[in-house]
Amino acid sequence: MKNVYDVQQILKKFGTFIYSGDRIGDLELMVMEIEDLFKMRFIENEQYLQARLILRKEKTRLYK
């Protein structure tokens, strides 16, 4: 997993499609969905941590 697209592909596997037109809002929704998938043990710890890091970096990049 290297970018936001890869995170979207993980979410897509579980039937979650996020697009509201607001990039920051989309990233926040993705974080919530990834957290839920991790809590329900649908994704491994490594995938969870990578996804969170990618989303955090993208959010930081957009705020600059």
Protein backbone atom coordinates (compact mmCIF):
# COMPACT_ATOMS: atom_id res chain seq x y z
CA MET A 1 0.00 0.00 0.00
CA LYS A 2 1.58 3.25 -1.15
CA ASN A 3 -1.10 5.88 -1.70
CA VAL A 4 -4.70 6.91 -1.06
CA TYR A 5 -5.86 4.97 -4.10
CA ASP A 6 -4.58 1.76 -2.48
CA VAL A 7 -6.53 2.59 0.70
CA GLN A 8 -9.64 3.15 -1.44
CA GLN A 9 -9.13 -0.28 -3.00
CA ILE A 10 -9.11 -1.91 0.43
CA LEU A 11 -12.32 -0.12 1.35
CA LYS A 12 -13.81 -1.11 -2.01
CA LYS A 13 -13.22 -4.80 -1.20
CA PHE A 14 -15.62 -4.36 1.71
CA GLY A 15 -18.21 -2.42 -0.28
CA THR A 16 -17.27 1.06 0.91
CA PHE A 17 -17.07 3.81 -1.71
CA ILE A 18 -16.26 7.29 -0.43
CA TYR A 19 -16.58 10.37 -2.58
CA SER A 20 -18.26 13.52 -1.37
CA GLY A 21 -16.33 16.09 -3.39
CA ASP A 22 -14.58 17.33 -0.25
CA ARG A 23 -11.10 15.76 -0.19
CA ILE A 24 -10.46 16.43 3.52
CA GLY A 25 -13.88 15.08 4.41
CA ASP A 26 -13.27 12.00 2.28
CA LEU A 27 -9.99 11.34 4.08
CA GLU A 28 -11.68 11.65 7.47
CA LEU A 29 -14.40 9.21 6.41
CA MET A 30 -11.74 6.80 5.16
CA VAL A 31 -10.00 6.93 8.55
CA MET A 32 -13.27 6.09 10.29
CA GLU A 33 -13.96 3.19 7.94
CA ILE A 34 -10.44 1.80 8.27
CA GLU A 35 -10.74 1.99 12.07
CA ASP A 36 -14.04 0.10 11.93
CA LEU A 37 -12.58 -2.61 9.68
CA PHE A 38 -9.66 -3.00 12.06
CA LYS A 39 -11.88 -3.17 15.16
CA MET A 40 -13.97 -5.88 13.49
CA ARG A 41 -10.73 -7.69 12.56
CA PHE A 42 -11.38 -7.59 8.81
CA ILE A 43 -7.93 -6.12 8.17
CA GLU A 44 -4.57 -6.92 9.75
CA ASN A 45 -2.63 -4.61 12.04
CA GLU A 46 -0.03 -3.89 9.32
CA GLN A 47 -2.69 -2.83 6.78
CA TYR A 48 -4.37 -0.65 9.40
CA LEU A 49 -1.14 1.13 10.33
CA GLN A 50 -0.11 1.67 6.70
CA ALA A 51 -3.55 3.03 5.81
CA ARG A 52 -3.57 5.43 8.75
CA LEU A 53 -0.09 6.68 7.87
CA ILE A 54 -1.01 7.25 4.22
CA LEU A 55 -4.21 9.09 5.13
CA ARG A 56 -2.42 11.23 7.73
CA LYS A 57 0.31 12.19 5.23
CA GLU A 58 -2.26 13.10 2.57
CA LYS A 59 -4.26 15.19 5.01
CA THR A 60 -1.10 17.01 6.13
CA ARG A 61 -0.12 17.61 2.49
CA LEU A 62 -3.49 19.20 1.76
CA TYR A 63 -3.32 21.55 4.75
CA LYS A 64 0.01 23.07 3.62
